[in-house]
């Protein structure tokens, strides 16, 4: 049987990660997205632990998911409670979910030190809790917490805890590497042993990534017989995180032949990853396998040349299978193959090897000065067009001035004056802002909007400064990277500037962003009536 049941705990275990916070609405949005993707069980939280999770389960009752089941999480009963009196079990039942995930202790260290009970009491707590939940018509997924550590400490007792759960009616026995310290070879051997001891029982795995082995451990567990996989999208979670379901699903389905999600849904994998990061307000990891921006990015010229001839030469699979795409980076390591590929991607026709060679030489010169075009493709496109002799100036600088002051209340403000020429007409504008760059951009936009009204829709959404030569102190070269966005639209582009003067570097990046927008926005020239009216002023 090659079908894998996918259990997502992003909404519960994932939120235990540092800097990860989800509102009830966030959790609902993610649950809907996971359902569309094809996750089988979505663990929504611990209803007995906090008001937010309690509210989520109330909301989840009206979700009407098409595929997934919502699951409530909790622990076995406390030592001196009966199941029907235990607040935690009562809260799990009150959550109204068809599935519950119940964790219990497998390691004697925790049984004796953490719970303060003896071996037999722990077994009774496990069995009694599961039996009570089963009597109340719940599907029970039993999480054997710290199972691998418990197994290595006392194999016999660890297996006894599983037997207590299985005999009480647990639907799945999940082996948890809670501390994340077990090695892949150990996981394979232990899971194989458990599968042999519990033939006919569904076995699952729940891996943490403290040793960097969570994906490998999950794959080994499945190879040894596990058919239920728990994890989180992008591997978020406590400490170093849980197994990354994005990597695990891609490996299991595309590399090992297991059935995780519908093949048509697998192409949404990168989108699901980015969606969760966006909702959780987490910066995506570019180098993440399969789904990261850099997962299929090529920089070295030899690599790009080979990929253009045969993608398999440097790509382990077609990026489209997981909803990603190939990217070719341009840097001082680039050859003509990189430039030709990027030019074709941008719809720019380079005339022969001469233009490609000149572009490579110019890129190498600029990167030696500190420019970096990997994150500034708009500036790179303008560079290519200039090499071809295309005019993308649209306006030229006459002069600019920026100054900042402190007011009586101590609040700072900046003012910028910009004088530019547009087709021979001189325009002067002033802008005020919360800093010199903000003021400069407002002045530039004010000067240009008379000619190009659509520029009012352009916004700066990110501004980064990198000191390139810190040894030069205040005379250091700096690189400015700016992200621009069209308001009420999805268009985003990035530009770069480099100088020893941060205002000059910012001006380069700002003007590149505007020129790029004008290049791709019609009309790209001021209307003749406008120019005639301005000339008459």
Protein backbone atom coordinates (compact mmCIF):
# COMPACT_ATOMS: atom_id res chain seq x y z
CA UNK A 1 0.00 0.00 0.00
CA UNK A 2 1.58 3.26 -1.16
CA UNK A 3 -1.01 5.73 0.16
CA UNK A 4 0.35 8.12 2.80
CA UNK A 5 -1.98 9.86 5.22
CA UNK A 6 -0.81 13.46 5.66
CA UNK A 7 -1.29 15.02 9.09
CA UNK A 8 -0.53 18.74 9.26
CA UNK A 9 0.22 20.36 12.61
CA UNK A 10 1.14 23.85 11.37
CA UNK A 11 -1.74 25.34 13.36
CA UNK A 12 -0.68 23.67 16.60
CA UNK A 13 2.95 22.51 16.72
CA UNK A 14 3.94 25.12 14.15
CA UNK A 15 2.75 27.97 16.35
CA UNK A 16 5.16 26.84 19.08
CA UNK A 17 7.99 28.13 16.90
CA UNK A 18 9.73 31.37 17.81
CA UNK A 19 8.22 34.43 16.07
CA UNK A 20 5.23 32.40 14.84
CA UNK A 21 1.83 33.79 15.83
CA UNK A 22 -1.48 33.05 14.13
CA UNK A 23 -4.82 34.66 14.80
CA UNK A 24 -8.04 32.65 14.61
CA UNK A 25 -8.68 34.12 11.15
CA UNK A 26 -5.13 33.18 10.08
CA UNK A 27 -5.70 29.60 11.19
CA UNK A 28 -8.98 29.40 9.30
CA UNK A 29 -7.36 30.72 6.10
CA UNK A 30 -4.51 28.21 6.36
CA UNK A 31 -6.91 25.34 7.09
CA UNK A 32 -8.91 26.12 3.96
CA UNK A 33 -5.73 26.25 1.87
CA UNK A 34 -4.44 22.95 3.27
CA UNK A 35 -7.79 21.33 2.55
CA UNK A 36 -7.67 22.41 -1.11
CA UNK A 37 -4.13 21.09 -1.37
CA UNK A 38 -5.13 17.65 -0.14
CA UNK A 39 -3.95 17.37 3.48
CA UNK A 40 -5.91 14.57 5.18
CA UNK A 41 -5.90 15.69 8.83
CA UNK A 42 -5.41 19.26 10.08
CA UNK A 43 -4.54 19.59 13.74
CA UNK A 44 -6.14 22.85 14.81
CA UNK A 45 -4.72 23.30 18.31
CA UNK A 46 -5.13 22.33 21.95
CA UNK A 47 -8.67 23.36 22.97
CA UNK A 48 -8.00 23.01 26.67
CA UNK A 49 -4.92 25.24 26.70
CA UNK A 50 -5.99 28.72 25.54
CA UNK A 51 -9.02 30.79 24.44
CA UNK A 52 -7.73 31.26 20.88
CA UNK A 53 -7.74 27.53 20.13
CA UNK A 54 -11.15 27.19 21.76
CA UNK A 55 -12.47 29.93 19.45
CA UNK A 56 -10.85 28.29 16.43
CA UNK A 57 -12.70 25.02 17.00
CA UNK A 58 -15.97 26.89 17.37
CA UNK A 59 -15.29 28.56 14.02
CA UNK A 60 -14.03 25.35 12.42
CA UNK A 61 -17.40 23.70 12.99
CA UNK A 62 -18.74 25.79 10.09
CA UNK A 63 -15.77 25.38 7.72
CA UNK A 64 -17.30 22.60 5.57
CA UNK A 65 -13.96 21.37 4.21
CA UNK A 66 -14.05 19.21 1.10
CA UNK A 67 -11.29 16.74 1.99
CA UNK A 68 -9.53 17.27 5.31
CA UNK A 69 -10.68 16.42 8.83
CA UNK A 70 -10.04 18.90 11.64
CA UNK A 71 -8.34 17.38 14.66
CA UNK A 72 -8.19 18.50 18.30
CA UNK A 73 -5.02 17.85 20.33
CA UNK A 74 -4.52 17.00 23.98
CA UNK A 75 -2.86 14.76 26.54
CA UNK A 76 -3.92 11.61 28.31
CA UNK A 77 -5.88 12.05 31.53
CA UNK A 78 -4.16 13.25 34.65
CA UNK A 79 -3.15 10.59 37.13
CA UNK A 80 -5.91 11.21 39.66
CA UNK A 81 -8.78 11.93 37.27
CA UNK A 82 -11.14 9.50 35.66
CA UNK A 83 -11.54 10.12 31.90
CA UNK A 84 -15.05 11.53 32.19
CA UNK A 85 -13.85 14.01 34.85
CA UNK A 86 -10.62 15.08 33.17
CA UNK A 87 -10.78 18.73 31.95
CA UNK A 88 -8.38 18.13 29.09
CA UNK A 89 -10.29 15.17 27.68
CA UNK A 90 -13.57 17.02 28.17
CA UNK A 91 -12.20 19.99 26.18
CA UNK A 92 -11.07 17.69 23.37
CA UNK A 93 -14.53 16.17 23.20
CA UNK A 94 -16.22 19.57 23.36
CA UNK A 95 -14.16 20.73 20.35
CA UNK A 96 -16.52 18.60 18.26
CA UNK A 97 -13.88 17.31 15.84
CA UNK A 98 -14.24 13.83 14.30
CA UNK A 99 -10.54 13.16 14.97
CA UNK A 100 -8.48 13.69 18.11
CA UNK A 101 -4.73 13.50 18.56
CA UNK A 102 -3.81 12.26 22.02
CA UNK A 103 -0.25 12.20 23.32
CA UNK A 104 1.11 10.00 26.07
CA UNK A 105 4.48 9.12 27.58
CA UNK A 106 6.71 6.40 26.14
CA UNK A 107 9.93 7.19 27.95
CA UNK A 108 10.32 6.13 31.58
CA UNK A 109 12.33 9.28 32.26
CA UNK A 110 9.17 11.30 31.61
CA UNK A 111 6.84 8.84 33.27
CA UNK A 112 8.76 8.95 36.55
CA UNK A 113 10.27 12.46 36.52
CA UNK A 114 7.65 14.52 34.66
CA UNK A 115 4.38 12.77 35.52
CA UNK A 116 5.47 11.35 38.87
CA UNK A 117 3.61 8.06 38.31
CA UNK A 118 4.72 4.46 38.08
CA UNK A 119 4.93 2.29 34.96
CA UNK A 120 1.50 0.68 35.33
CA UNK A 121 -0.29 3.95 36.12
CA UNK A 122 1.04 5.46 32.88
CA UNK A 123 -0.20 2.47 30.88
CA UNK A 124 -3.64 2.80 32.47
CA UNK A 125 -3.73 6.54 31.71
CA UNK A 126 -3.02 5.81 28.05
CA UNK A 127 -5.52 2.98 27.71
CA UNK A 128 -8.30 4.64 29.72
CA UNK A 129 -8.09 7.92 27.82
CA UNK A 130 -8.17 6.27 24.40
CA UNK A 131 -10.97 3.90 25.35
CA UNK A 132 -13.12 6.80 26.61
CA UNK A 133 -12.56 8.84 23.45
CA UNK A 134 -13.38 5.82 21.29
CA UNK A 135 -16.58 5.27 23.26
CA UNK A 136 -17.47 8.86 22.34
CA UNK A 137 -17.08 8.09 18.62
CA UNK A 138 -13.77 9.79 18.01
CA UNK A 139 -11.07 8.58 15.69
CA UNK A 140 -7.98 8.51 17.91
CA UNK A 141 -4.48 9.20 16.63
CA UNK A 142 -2.12 8.31 19.45
CA UNK A 143 1.15 10.28 19.58
CA UNK A 144 3.76 8.27 21.47
CA UNK A 145 5.80 11.20 22.77
CA UNK A 146 9.59 10.69 23.01
CA UNK A 147 9.11 7.21 21.59
CA UNK A 148 12.56 6.79 20.04
CA UNK A 149 14.36 7.93 23.19
CA UNK A 150 12.09 5.70 25.27
CA UNK A 151 12.72 2.74 22.94
CA UNK A 152 16.50 3.16 23.21
CA UNK A 153 16.25 3.46 27.00
CA UNK A 154 13.84 0.55 27.56
CA UNK A 155 12.53 -1.15 24.42
CA UNK A 156 10.15 -3.41 26.33
CA UNK A 157 8.36 -0.61 28.14
CA UNK A 158 8.14 1.63 25.08
CA UNK A 159 6.42 -1.20 23.20
CA UNK A 160 4.13 -1.77 26.18
CA UNK A 161 2.84 1.80 25.89
CA UNK A 162 2.03 1.18 22.22
CA UNK A 163 0.30 -2.08 23.11
CA UNK A 164 -1.84 -0.29 25.69
CA UNK A 165 -2.88 2.25 23.05
CA UNK A 166 -3.53 -0.35 20.37
CA UNK A 167 -5.59 -2.62 22.64
CA UNK A 168 -7.69 0.38 23.73
CA UNK A 169 -8.62 1.06 20.10
CA UNK A 170 -6.16 3.71 18.83
CA UNK A 171 -6.55 4.09 15.07
CA UNK A 172 -2.95 5.18 14.43
CA UNK A 173 0.18 4.73 16.53
CA UNK A 174 2.52 7.67 15.87
CA UNK A 175 6.18 7.34 16.83
CA UNK A 176 7.48 10.77 17.87
CA UNK A 177 11.11 11.88 17.79
CA UNK A 178 10.21 14.70 20.15
CA UNK A 179 13.78 15.80 20.93
CA UNK A 180 14.82 15.46 17.28
CA UNK A 181 18.04 13.63 18.08
CA UNK A 182 17.51 10.22 16.47
CA UNK A 183 19.56 9.33 13.40
CA UNK A 184 17.99 8.01 10.14
CA UNK A 185 19.51 4.56 10.46
CA UNK A 186 18.08 4.25 13.99
CA UNK A 187 14.66 5.43 12.83
CA UNK A 188 14.53 2.84 10.07
CA UNK A 189 15.50 0.00 12.39
CA UNK A 190 13.11 1.02 15.19
CA UNK A 191 10.11 1.65 12.91
CA UNK A 192 10.69 -1.68 11.18
CA UNK A 193 10.71 -3.38 14.59
CA UNK A 194 7.47 -1.66 15.62
CA UNK A 195 5.77 -2.55 12.34
CA UNK A 196 6.74 -6.16 12.90
CA UNK A 197 5.40 -6.14 16.46
CA UNK A 198 2.15 -4.41 15.47
CA UNK A 199 1.30 -5.98 12.15
CA UNK A 200 -2.06 -4.72 10.97
CA UNK A 201 -1.83 -1.48 12.95
CA UNK A 202 -1.38 1.86 11.18
CA UNK A 203 2.00 3.32 12.16
CA UNK A 204 2.92 7.01 11.86
CA UNK A 205 5.97 9.22 12.35
CA UNK A 206 6.37 12.68 13.88
CA UNK A 207 9.91 14.05 13.42
CA UNK A 208 11.60 17.16 14.76
CA UNK A 209 14.61 18.75 13.08
CA UNK A 210 17.04 19.36 15.94
CA UNK A 211 19.73 17.28 14.23
CA UNK A 212 18.81 18.41 10.73
CA UNK A 213 17.48 14.93 9.95
CA UNK A 214 13.71 15.40 10.10
CA UNK A 215 13.06 14.84 6.39
CA UNK A 216 15.51 11.93 6.22
CA UNK A 217 13.98 10.38 9.35
CA UNK A 218 10.49 10.69 7.88
CA UNK A 219 11.53 9.05 4.62
CA UNK A 220 13.25 6.23 6.51
CA UNK A 221 10.16 5.68 8.65
CA UNK A 222 7.95 5.40 5.58
CA UNK A 223 10.40 3.05 3.91
CA UNK A 224 10.27 0.90 7.06
CA UNK A 225 6.47 0.70 6.99
CA UNK A 226 4.95 3.93 8.40
CA UNK A 227 1.98 5.19 6.36
CA UNK A 228 0.98 8.25 8.41
CA UNK A 229 3.24 11.33 8.28
CA UNK A 230 2.98 14.34 10.58
CA UNK A 231 4.69 17.68 9.98
CA UNK A 232 4.28 21.38 9.27
CA UNK A 233 4.39 23.53 6.15
CA UNK A 234 7.92 24.94 5.75
CA UNK A 235 9.01 23.02 8.86
CA UNK A 236 8.00 25.74 11.33
CA UNK A 237 7.78 24.61 14.94
CA UNK A 238 9.40 24.52 18.34
CA UNK A 239 13.20 24.99 18.56
CA UNK A 240 14.57 24.15 15.10
CA UNK A 241 11.15 23.08 13.84
CA UNK A 242 9.26 20.02 12.66
CA UNK A 243 9.71 18.04 9.51
CA UNK A 244 9.01 20.24 6.50
CA UNK A 245 5.99 18.69 4.81
CA UNK A 246 6.83 20.48 1.56
CA UNK A 247 10.11 18.57 1.26
CA UNK A 248 8.69 15.33 2.67
CA UNK A 249 5.71 15.29 0.29
CA UNK A 250 7.85 16.08 -2.76
CA UNK A 251 10.39 13.38 -1.88
CA UNK A 252 7.79 10.74 -1.06
CA UNK A 253 5.69 11.33 -4.16
CA UNK A 254 8.23 12.31 -6.83
CA UNK A 255 11.27 10.36 -5.66
CA UNK A 256 9.89 7.31 -3.90
CA UNK A 257 6.58 6.69 -5.67
CA UNK A 258 4.19 7.09 -2.74
CA UNK A 259 0.73 8.59 -3.10
CA UNK A 260 0.45 11.72 -0.94
CA UNK A 261 -1.73 14.21 -2.84
CA UNK A 262 -3.37 14.37 -6.23
CA UNK A 263 -0.67 14.97 -8.87
CA UNK A 264 -2.63 17.98 -10.09
CA UNK A 265 -2.50 19.38 -6.55
CA UNK A 266 1.25 18.85 -6.22
CA UNK A 267 1.87 21.76 -8.59
CA UNK A 268 0.41 23.98 -5.85
CA UNK A 269 3.17 23.00 -3.40
CA UNK A 270 5.25 26.17 -3.80
CA UNK A 271 2.13 28.31 -3.61
CA UNK A 272 1.03 26.60 -0.37
CA UNK A 273 4.49 27.20 1.10
CA UNK A 274 4.46 30.89 0.21
CA UNK A 275 0.86 31.30 1.39
CA UNK A 276 1.64 30.00 4.88
CA UNK A 277 4.74 32.20 5.15
CA UNK A 278 2.72 35.23 4.06
CA UNK A 279 -0.14 34.61 6.51
CA UNK A 280 2.29 33.88 9.36
CA UNK A 281 4.34 36.98 8.42
CA UNK A 282 7.51 34.91 8.05
CA UNK A 283 10.28 35.70 5.57
CA UNK A 284 10.43 32.81 3.07
CA UNK A 285 13.66 30.83 2.99
CA UNK A 286 14.97 31.26 -0.55
CA UNK A 287 17.14 28.15 -0.38
CA UNK A 288 14.30 25.88 0.80
CA UNK A 289 14.30 22.64 -1.24
CA UNK A 290 11.66 22.34 -3.97
CA UNK A 291 9.71 25.51 -3.09
CA UNK A 292 12.34 28.21 -2.44
CA UNK A 293 13.16 30.95 -4.97
CA UNK A 294 16.70 29.59 -5.20
CA UNK A 295 15.74 25.92 -5.45
CA UNK A 296 16.14 26.01 -9.24
CA UNK A 297 18.36 29.08 -9.57
CA UNK A 298 21.55 28.88 -11.64
CA UNK A 299 24.45 31.31 -11.39
CA UNK A 300 27.60 29.77 -12.84
CA UNK A 301 27.96 30.25 -16.59
CA UNK A 302 28.88 26.61 -17.24
CA UNK A 303 25.80 25.45 -15.35
CA UNK A 304 23.51 27.75 -17.30
CA UNK A 305 24.98 26.71 -20.62
CA UNK A 306 24.31 23.06 -19.76
CA UNK A 307 20.79 23.70 -18.42
CA UNK A 308 19.85 25.54 -21.61
CA UNK A 309 20.81 22.43 -23.59
CA UNK A 310 19.46 19.83 -21.18
CA UNK A 311 17.73 20.85 -17.89
CA UNK A 312 18.48 17.47 -16.28
CA UNK A 313 22.18 18.36 -16.35
CA UNK A 314 21.77 20.53 -13.24
CA UNK A 315 18.16 20.03 -12.09
CA UNK A 316 17.04 16.94 -10.20
CA UNK A 317 13.42 17.39 -11.39
CA UNK A 318 11.24 19.69 -13.46
CA UNK A 319 10.45 22.69 -11.21
CA UNK A 320 6.95 22.89 -12.70
CA UNK A 321 6.05 19.63 -10.93
CA UNK A 322 6.07 21.46 -7.59
CA UNK A 323 4.85 24.82 -8.87
CA UNK A 324 8.29 26.45 -8.97
CA UNK A 325 10.30 27.83 -11.88
CA UNK A 326 13.84 27.96 -13.16
CA UNK A 327 15.75 31.18 -12.49
CA UNK A 328 19.02 32.24 -14.03
CA UNK A 329 21.07 34.66 -11.94
CA UNK A 330 23.35 37.31 -13.31
CA UNK A 331 26.58 38.18 -11.49
CA UNK A 332 30.31 38.48 -12.01
CA UNK A 333 30.31 34.67 -12.31
CA UNK A 334 28.03 34.88 -15.33
CA UNK A 335 28.90 33.96 -18.86
CA UNK A 336 27.16 34.79 -22.09
CA UNK A 337 24.77 31.88 -21.56
CA UNK A 338 23.35 33.55 -18.44
CA UNK A 339 22.86 36.84 -20.25
CA UNK A 340 21.25 35.24 -23.30
CA UNK A 341 18.90 33.22 -21.11
CA UNK A 342 17.84 36.28 -19.09
CA UNK A 343 17.47 38.37 -22.23
CA UNK A 344 15.19 35.75 -23.77
CA UNK A 345 13.22 35.54 -20.52
CA UNK A 346 12.75 39.32 -20.61
CA UNK A 347 11.82 39.35 -24.28
CA UNK A 348 15.00 41.21 -25.32
CA UNK A 349 16.74 40.15 -28.51
CA UNK A 350 20.54 40.43 -28.33
CA UNK A 351 22.13 40.85 -31.74
CA UNK A 352 24.86 38.24 -31.90
CA UNK A 353 27.67 37.45 -29.50
CA UNK A 354 28.99 41.02 -29.48
CA UNK A 355 26.09 42.47 -27.47
CA UNK A 356 26.11 39.51 -25.05
CA UNK A 357 29.87 39.95 -24.56
CA UNK A 358 29.51 43.69 -23.90
CA UNK A 359 26.71 42.99 -21.41
CA UNK A 360 28.85 40.45 -19.54
CA UNK A 361 31.78 42.88 -19.41
CA UNK A 362 29.55 45.67 -18.09
CA UNK A 363 28.03 43.39 -15.45
CA UNK A 364 31.45 42.32 -14.24
CA UNK A 365 32.59 45.97 -14.03
CA UNK A 366 29.54 47.00 -12.03
CA UNK A 367 29.62 44.00 -9.68
CA UNK A 368 33.27 44.78 -8.98
CA UNK A 369 32.04 48.18 -7.73
CA UNK A 370 29.45 46.51 -5.51
CA UNK A 371 26.34 46.21 -7.69
CA UNK A 372 24.35 43.00 -7.41
CA UNK A 373 21.72 42.22 -10.02
CA UNK A 374 20.43 38.90 -8.60
CA UNK A 375 17.88 40.79 -6.52
CA UNK A 376 17.45 43.72 -8.90
CA UNK A 377 16.18 42.36 -12.18
CA UNK A 378 14.61 45.68 -13.19
CA UNK A 379 18.01 47.38 -13.09
CA UNK A 380 19.46 44.45 -15.02
CA UNK A 381 16.85 44.82 -17.76
CA UNK A 382 17.64 48.52 -18.10
CA UNK A 383 21.32 47.65 -18.37
CA UNK A 384 20.64 45.16 -21.17
CA UNK A 385 18.55 47.67 -23.06
CA UNK A 386 21.25 50.31 -22.75
CA UNK A 387 23.81 47.85 -24.16
CA UNK A 388 21.52 47.43 -27.14
CA UNK A 389 21.41 51.20 -27.55
CA UNK A 390 17.77 51.59 -26.50
CA UNK A 391 16.91 54.92 -24.87
CA UNK A 392 15.19 54.36 -21.53
CA UNK A 393 16.06 57.69 -19.93
CA UNK A 394 12.68 59.51 -20.26
CA UNK A 395 14.11 62.26 -18.02
CA UNK A 396 17.51 63.59 -16.98
CA UNK A 397 18.68 65.22 -13.78
CA UNK A 398 19.50 68.92 -13.70
CA UNK A 399 20.22 69.13 -9.97
CA UNK A 400 18.92 67.96 -6.60
CA UNK A 401 19.27 69.08 -3.00
CA UNK A 402 18.28 67.28 0.20
CA UNK A 403 18.47 68.57 3.75
CA UNK A 404 17.16 67.36 7.11
CA UNK A 405 16.32 69.27 10.28
CA UNK A 406 15.09 68.67 13.80
CA UNK A 407 11.97 70.55 14.90
CA UNK A 408 11.33 72.05 18.35
CA UNK A 409 9.63 68.89 19.50
CA UNK A 410 12.61 66.81 18.44
CA UNK A 411 10.74 65.32 15.47
CA UNK A 412 12.94 65.18 12.40
CA UNK A 413 11.87 66.05 8.87
CA UNK A 414 13.54 66.22 5.47
CA UNK A 415 13.02 68.32 2.38
CA UNK A 416 14.21 67.56 -1.15
CA UNK A 417 14.31 69.80 -4.23
CA UNK A 418 14.60 68.15 -7.63
CA UNK A 419 15.12 69.78 -11.04
CA UNK A 420 14.77 67.49 -14.08
CA UNK A 421 14.44 67.76 -17.85
CA UNK A 422 11.74 65.91 -19.78
CA UNK A 423 12.12 66.27 -23.55
CA UNK A 424 13.74 69.65 -23.12
CA UNK A 425 11.27 70.98 -20.56
CA UNK A 426 12.66 71.78 -17.11
CA UNK A 427 10.52 70.86 -14.13
CA UNK A 428 11.22 71.84 -10.51
CA UNK A 429 9.51 70.16 -7.53
CA UNK A 430 9.86 69.99 -3.76
CA UNK A 431 8.97 67.11 -1.47
CA UNK A 432 8.84 66.66 2.30
CA UNK A 433 9.26 63.32 4.01
CA UNK A 434 10.14 61.46 7.18
CA UNK A 435 13.69 61.02 5.90
CA UNK A 436 15.89 62.12 2.99
CA UNK A 437 14.98 59.20 0.73
CA UNK A 438 11.25 59.60 1.36
CA UNK A 439 11.51 63.33 0.61
CA UNK A 440 13.60 62.69 -2.51
CA UNK A 441 11.11 60.18 -3.88
CA UNK A 442 8.15 62.47 -3.25
CA UNK A 443 9.90 65.36 -5.00
CA UNK A 444 10.81 63.19 -7.99
CA UNK A 445 7.31 61.78 -8.26
CA UNK A 446 5.78 65.26 -8.03
CA UNK A 447 8.06 66.49 -10.82
CA UNK A 448 7.20 63.60 -13.13
CA UNK A 449 3.49 63.09 -12.50
CA UNK A 450 2.63 66.11 -14.67
CA UNK A 451 4.13 64.20 -17.59
CA UNK A 452 3.32 60.65 -16.56
CA UNK A 453 0.17 60.67 -14.36
CA UNK A 454 0.22 56.89 -13.87
CA UNK A 455 3.32 57.26 -11.71
CA UNK A 456 0.96 58.18 -8.89
CA UNK A 457 0.24 54.45 -8.60
CA UNK A 458 3.85 53.52 -7.83
CA UNK A 459 4.86 52.91 -4.21
CA UNK A 460 8.10 52.04 -2.44
CA UNK A 461 7.45 49.00 -0.27
CA UNK A 462 10.95 48.03 0.85
CA UNK A 463 14.30 49.79 1.19
CA UNK A 464 17.53 48.05 2.18
CA UNK A 465 21.06 49.39 2.66
CA UNK A 466 24.17 47.21 2.77
CA UNK A 467 27.58 48.62 3.75
CA UNK A 468 30.07 47.10 1.30
CA UNK A 469 33.40 48.39 2.63
CA UNK A 470 33.02 48.81 6.41
CA UNK A 471 36.75 49.34 6.74
CA UNK A 472 36.23 52.75 5.07
CA UNK A 473 33.94 53.88 7.92
CA UNK A 474 31.83 56.88 6.87
CA UNK A 475 33.44 56.81 3.40
CA UNK A 476 32.22 53.24 2.82
CA UNK A 477 30.58 52.14 -0.40
CA UNK A 478 26.92 51.32 0.17
CA UNK A 479 24.44 49.34 -1.89
CA UNK A 480 20.76 50.33 -1.86
CA UNK A 481 18.10 47.82 -2.94
CA UNK A 482 14.54 49.11 -3.42
CA UNK A 483 11.33 47.18 -3.98
CA UNK A 484 8.64 49.00 -5.96
CA UNK A 485 5.00 48.05 -6.28
CA UNK A 486 2.10 49.27 -8.38
CA UNK A 487 -0.79 50.18 -6.08
CA UNK A 488 -3.85 47.93 -6.42
CA UNK A 489 -1.82 45.57 -8.58
CA UNK A 490 0.49 42.58 -8.42
CA UNK A 491 3.43 44.16 -10.24
CA UNK A 492 6.61 44.21 -8.15
CA UNK A 493 10.10 45.09 -9.33
CA UNK A 494 13.50 45.67 -7.72
CA UNK A 495 16.31 48.08 -8.47
CA UNK A 496 19.82 48.72 -7.16
CA UNK A 497 22.22 51.64 -6.69
CA UNK A 498 25.80 51.84 -5.40
CA UNK A 499 27.86 54.82 -4.25
CA UNK A 500 29.91 56.20 -1.38
CA UNK A 501 27.04 58.69 -1.01
CA UNK A 502 23.87 57.04 0.25
CA UNK A 503 21.73 59.74 -1.38
CA UNK A 504 23.36 59.08 -4.75
CA UNK A 505 22.92 55.29 -4.37
CA UNK A 506 19.27 55.85 -3.45
CA UNK A 507 18.77 58.18 -6.43
CA UNK A 508 20.11 55.49 -8.79
CA UNK A 509 17.72 52.87 -7.41
CA UNK A 510 14.77 55.28 -7.34
CA UNK A 511 15.21 56.49 -10.91
CA UNK A 512 15.81 52.96 -12.22
CA UNK A 513 12.50 51.95 -10.65
CA UNK A 514 10.63 54.79 -12.36
CA UNK A 515 12.31 54.23 -15.73
CA UNK A 516 11.46 50.53 -15.56
CA UNK A 517 7.82 51.36 -14.82
CA UNK A 518 7.63 53.86 -17.68
CA UNK A 519 9.23 51.32 -20.00
CA UNK A 520 6.46 48.82 -19.27
CA UNK A 521 3.56 51.26 -18.96
CA UNK A 522 1.75 52.90 -21.85
CA UNK A 523 1.99 55.66 -22.86
CA UNK A 524 5.76 55.68 -22.36
CA UNK A 525 6.11 59.27 -23.59
CA UNK A 526 4.28 62.44 -22.47
CA UNK A 527 1.29 63.27 -24.63
CA UNK A 528 2.02 65.99 -27.25
CA UNK A 529 -0.72 68.36 -25.98
CA UNK A 530 0.90 68.20 -22.54
CA UNK A 531 4.30 69.12 -23.92
CA UNK A 532 2.89 71.95 -26.01
CA UNK A 533 1.04 73.36 -23.01
CA UNK A 534 4.16 73.12 -20.86
CA UNK A 535 6.28 74.81 -23.54
CA UNK A 536 3.83 77.71 -23.62
CA UNK A 537 4.11 78.31 -19.88
